[in-house]
Amino acid sequence: MKLEGKKIGLAITGSFCTFSKMEEAVSALMAEGASIYPIISTNVQTTDSRFGDTTEFISHISDLTGNPPILKLEDAEPIGPQGYLDILLIAPCTGNTLAKLANGITDTPVLMAAKAHLRNSKPLVISISTNDALGINFKNIGQLFNIKNIYFVPFGQDNAIKKPNSMIARTDQIVRTLEEALEGKQIQPVIL
């Protein structure tokens, strides 16, 4: 159990269709003995969808992890100077968040957490879920692949016929990806 005792930030953005998978990922990480600190994007906090009530989801994630979520930009900033996370996971990571991260924009709690965490030269893991991964966001994925301390959960097309540009991470690979990233390695293969 390589994640035992590790402090993992879990930054959640608005790919609402993957929230049930995030709950499974949290359970898997907790089973490994990790401590999870949720960080919730503004869109997740304010947008209900056909996939459920976000207030209920946030409450459930907080209950699962045993930690209150970071909900404000200013509450995410101390992640840098305090340096208390071993690793940060953005899961799911939307195309919007990918684009902002690639361009240095920090206007949400998730992006501020990423910026603050990266300043400590610690690993940031991205678990993508975006309908435009092979479209307009392709360049942002490529750019992030070339940034030190950024790693990706393996991903692939989720529906090549109906959504040919869409890609989603294989959340069942999150634990292994985090283990590898903590050793400074990108899990392979990345594209499945």
Protein backbone atom coordinates (compact mmCIF):
# COMPACT_ATOMS: atom_id res chain seq x y z
CA MET A 1 0.00 0.00 0.00
CA LYS A 2 2.19 2.77 -1.37
CA LEU A 3 -0.44 5.44 -0.66
CA GLU A 4 -0.77 4.66 3.03
CA GLY A 5 -0.41 7.84 5.05
CA LYS A 6 -0.22 10.05 1.94
CA LYS A 7 -2.15 13.33 1.92
CA ILE A 8 -3.99 13.59 -1.37
CA GLY A 9 -5.82 16.66 -2.59
CA LEU A 10 -8.84 15.71 -4.68
CA ALA A 11 -9.83 18.64 -6.88
CA ILE A 12 -13.22 18.07 -8.48
CA THR A 13 -14.42 19.99 -11.55
CA GLY A 14 -17.74 19.94 -13.41
CA SER A 15 -17.78 16.77 -15.47
CA PHE A 16 -20.97 15.78 -13.69
CA CYS A 17 -21.43 12.49 -15.56
CA THR A 18 -18.32 11.09 -13.85
CA PHE A 19 -19.24 11.90 -10.24
CA SER A 20 -20.23 8.32 -9.39
CA LYS A 21 -16.80 7.21 -10.61
CA MET A 22 -15.18 9.83 -8.37
CA GLU A 23 -16.96 8.34 -5.37
CA GLU A 24 -15.53 4.94 -6.31
CA ALA A 25 -12.06 6.49 -6.67
CA VAL A 26 -12.32 8.10 -3.24
CA SER A 27 -13.27 4.74 -1.72
CA ALA A 28 -10.31 3.06 -3.45
CA LEU A 29 -7.89 5.72 -2.19
CA MET A 30 -9.27 5.49 1.34
CA ALA A 31 -8.87 1.70 1.20
CA GLU A 32 -5.18 2.30 0.41
CA GLY A 33 -4.85 4.26 3.65
CA ALA A 34 -4.61 7.74 2.11
CA SER A 35 -6.05 10.91 3.61
CA ILE A 36 -8.18 12.79 1.09
CA TYR A 37 -8.72 16.56 1.09
CA PRO A 38 -11.54 17.61 -1.30
CA ILE A 39 -11.31 20.83 -3.30
CA ILE A 40 -14.47 21.76 -5.19
CA SER A 41 -14.67 24.02 -8.25
CA THR A 42 -17.10 26.92 -8.32
CA ASN A 43 -19.16 25.29 -11.10
CA VAL A 44 -19.59 22.12 -9.08
CA GLN A 45 -20.73 24.17 -6.10
CA THR A 46 -23.37 26.08 -8.06
CA THR A 47 -24.63 23.81 -10.84
CA ASP A 48 -27.15 21.03 -10.42
CA SER A 49 -27.47 18.68 -13.38
CA ARG A 50 -29.40 15.67 -14.56
CA PHE A 51 -26.73 13.61 -12.76
CA GLY A 52 -27.77 14.85 -9.33
CA ASP A 53 -27.77 17.57 -6.73
CA THR A 54 -24.31 19.04 -6.20
CA THR A 55 -24.90 19.98 -2.57
CA GLU A 56 -25.67 16.33 -1.87
CA PHE A 57 -22.58 15.22 -3.82
CA ILE A 58 -20.28 17.62 -1.95
CA SER A 59 -21.72 16.50 1.37
CA HIS A 60 -21.23 12.86 0.42
CA ILE A 61 -17.58 13.41 -0.63
CA SER A 62 -16.93 15.25 2.63
CA ASP A 63 -18.47 12.40 4.61
CA LEU A 64 -16.44 9.79 2.69
CA THR A 65 -13.15 11.62 3.22
CA GLY A 66 -13.81 12.89 6.72
CA ASN A 67 -12.50 16.31 5.65
CA PRO A 68 -14.39 19.51 4.88
CA PRO A 69 -14.07 20.67 1.28
CA ILE A 70 -12.10 23.70 0.19
CA LEU A 71 -14.69 25.87 -1.53
CA LYS A 72 -13.06 29.29 -1.86
CA LEU A 73 -10.12 30.55 -3.87
CA GLU A 74 -8.51 32.11 -0.81
CA ASP A 75 -8.80 28.84 1.13
CA ALA A 76 -6.91 26.96 -1.61
CA GLU A 77 -3.95 29.36 -1.69
CA PRO A 78 -2.39 28.13 1.62
CA ILE A 79 -1.80 24.71 0.00
CA GLY A 80 1.39 26.28 -1.39
CA PRO A 81 3.01 27.87 1.66
CA GLN A 82 1.80 25.16 4.04
CA GLY A 83 2.82 22.39 1.62
CA TYR A 84 0.67 19.81 3.37
CA LEU A 85 -0.35 17.74 0.33
CA ASP A 86 1.88 14.97 -1.00
CA ILE A 87 0.05 14.89 -4.32
CA LEU A 88 -2.89 16.65 -5.98
CA LEU A 89 -5.39 14.88 -8.24
CA ILE A 90 -7.76 16.84 -10.48
CA ALA A 91 -10.54 14.36 -11.12
CA PRO A 92 -12.52 14.84 -13.20
CA CYS A 93 -10.62 17.52 -15.08
CA THR A 94 -12.81 19.27 -17.64
CA GLY A 95 -11.60 20.82 -20.88
CA ASN A 96 -12.23 24.25 -19.36
CA THR A 97 -9.94 23.47 -16.44
CA LEU A 98 -7.32 21.96 -18.78
CA ALA A 99 -7.28 25.12 -20.89
CA LYS A 100 -7.00 27.43 -17.89
CA LEU A 101 -4.29 25.32 -16.27
CA ALA A 102 -2.27 25.25 -19.50
CA ASN A 103 -2.51 29.03 -19.71
CA GLY A 104 -1.79 29.88 -16.08
CA ILE A 105 -5.28 31.06 -15.15
CA THR A 106 -6.18 30.66 -11.46
CA ASP A 107 -9.79 31.78 -11.08
CA THR A 108 -11.28 28.79 -9.24
CA PRO A 109 -10.40 26.94 -6.02
CA VAL A 110 -9.19 23.97 -8.11
CA LEU A 111 -6.86 26.07 -10.25
CA MET A 112 -5.51 27.96 -7.25
CA ALA A 113 -4.87 24.62 -5.52
CA ALA A 114 -2.99 23.38 -8.60
CA LYS A 115 -0.88 26.52 -8.84
CA ALA A 116 -0.14 26.51 -5.10
CA HIS A 117 0.73 22.80 -5.12
CA LEU A 118 3.00 22.96 -8.18
CA ARG A 119 5.07 25.72 -6.61
CA ASN A 120 6.29 23.07 -4.16
CA SER A 121 7.54 20.83 -7.03
CA LYS A 122 5.13 18.09 -6.01
CA PRO A 123 3.15 15.89 -8.42
CA LEU A 124 -0.14 17.00 -9.95
CA VAL A 125 -2.20 14.25 -11.59
CA ILE A 126 -4.88 15.00 -14.18
CA SER A 127 -7.82 12.69 -14.80
CA ILE A 128 -9.41 14.15 -17.92
CA SER A 129 -13.05 14.10 -18.91
CA THR A 130 -13.70 16.36 -21.86
CA ASN A 131 -15.70 16.31 -25.07
CA ASP A 132 -13.00 18.27 -26.90
CA ALA A 133 -9.80 16.40 -26.00
CA LEU A 134 -9.10 15.62 -29.65
CA GLY A 135 -10.36 19.04 -30.75
CA ILE A 136 -9.54 22.47 -29.39
CA ASN A 137 -8.13 21.08 -26.12
CA PHE A 138 -5.67 18.73 -27.82
CA LYS A 139 -2.99 21.43 -27.75
CA ASN A 140 -3.57 22.04 -24.03
CA ILE A 141 -3.16 18.36 -23.22
CA GLY A 142 0.08 18.32 -25.20
CA GLN A 143 1.31 21.43 -23.43
CA LEU A 144 0.55 19.99 -19.98
CA PHE A 145 2.32 16.72 -20.86
CA ASN A 146 5.51 18.75 -21.18
CA ILE A 147 5.32 20.45 -17.78
CA LYS A 148 7.44 19.06 -14.98
CA ASN A 149 5.50 17.37 -12.16
CA ILE A 150 2.27 16.98 -14.17
CA TYR A 151 1.06 13.44 -14.84
CA PHE A 152 -2.03 11.95 -16.49
CA VAL A 153 -4.33 9.09 -15.56
CA PRO A 154 -4.50 6.86 -18.67
CA PHE A 155 -7.35 7.92 -20.94
CA GLY A 156 -9.09 7.04 -24.18
CA GLN A 157 -12.08 7.78 -26.36
CA ASP A 158 -15.35 7.12 -24.59
CA ASN A 159 -17.57 7.08 -27.68
CA ALA A 160 -15.56 7.35 -30.91
CA ILE A 161 -18.64 7.21 -33.16
CA LYS A 162 -21.01 9.72 -31.52
CA LYS A 163 -18.36 11.91 -29.83
CA PRO A 164 -15.12 11.49 -31.83
CA ASN A 165 -13.26 14.28 -29.97
CA SER A 166 -14.27 13.11 -26.49
CA MET A 167 -11.85 11.38 -24.13
CA ILE A 168 -12.16 10.21 -20.56
CA ALA A 169 -9.70 8.92 -18.00
CA ARG A 170 -9.78 5.31 -16.83
CA THR A 171 -10.57 6.03 -13.20
CA ASP A 172 -9.76 2.46 -12.24
CA GLN A 173 -6.12 3.46 -12.93
CA ILE A 174 -6.06 6.38 -10.46
CA VAL A 175 -4.38 4.48 -7.62
CA ARG A 176 -1.58 3.14 -9.86
CA THR A 177 -1.13 6.54 -11.51
CA LEU A 178 -0.72 8.26 -8.15
CA GLU A 179 1.77 5.63 -7.00
CA GLU A 180 3.87 6.14 -10.14
CA ALA A 181 3.62 9.95 -9.99
CA LEU A 182 4.88 9.95 -6.39
CA GLU A 183 7.99 8.24 -7.79
CA GLY A 184 8.30 10.84 -10.56
CA LYS A 185 7.03 8.51 -13.30
CA GLN A 186 4.21 8.76 -15.82
CA ILE A 187 2.21 5.53 -15.83
CA GLN A 188 2.29 3.80 -19.21
CA PRO A 189 0.55 3.38 -21.53
CA VAL A 190 -1.18 6.76 -21.24
CA ILE A 191 -3.55 6.30 -24.17
CA LEU A 192 -5.75 3.24 -23.86
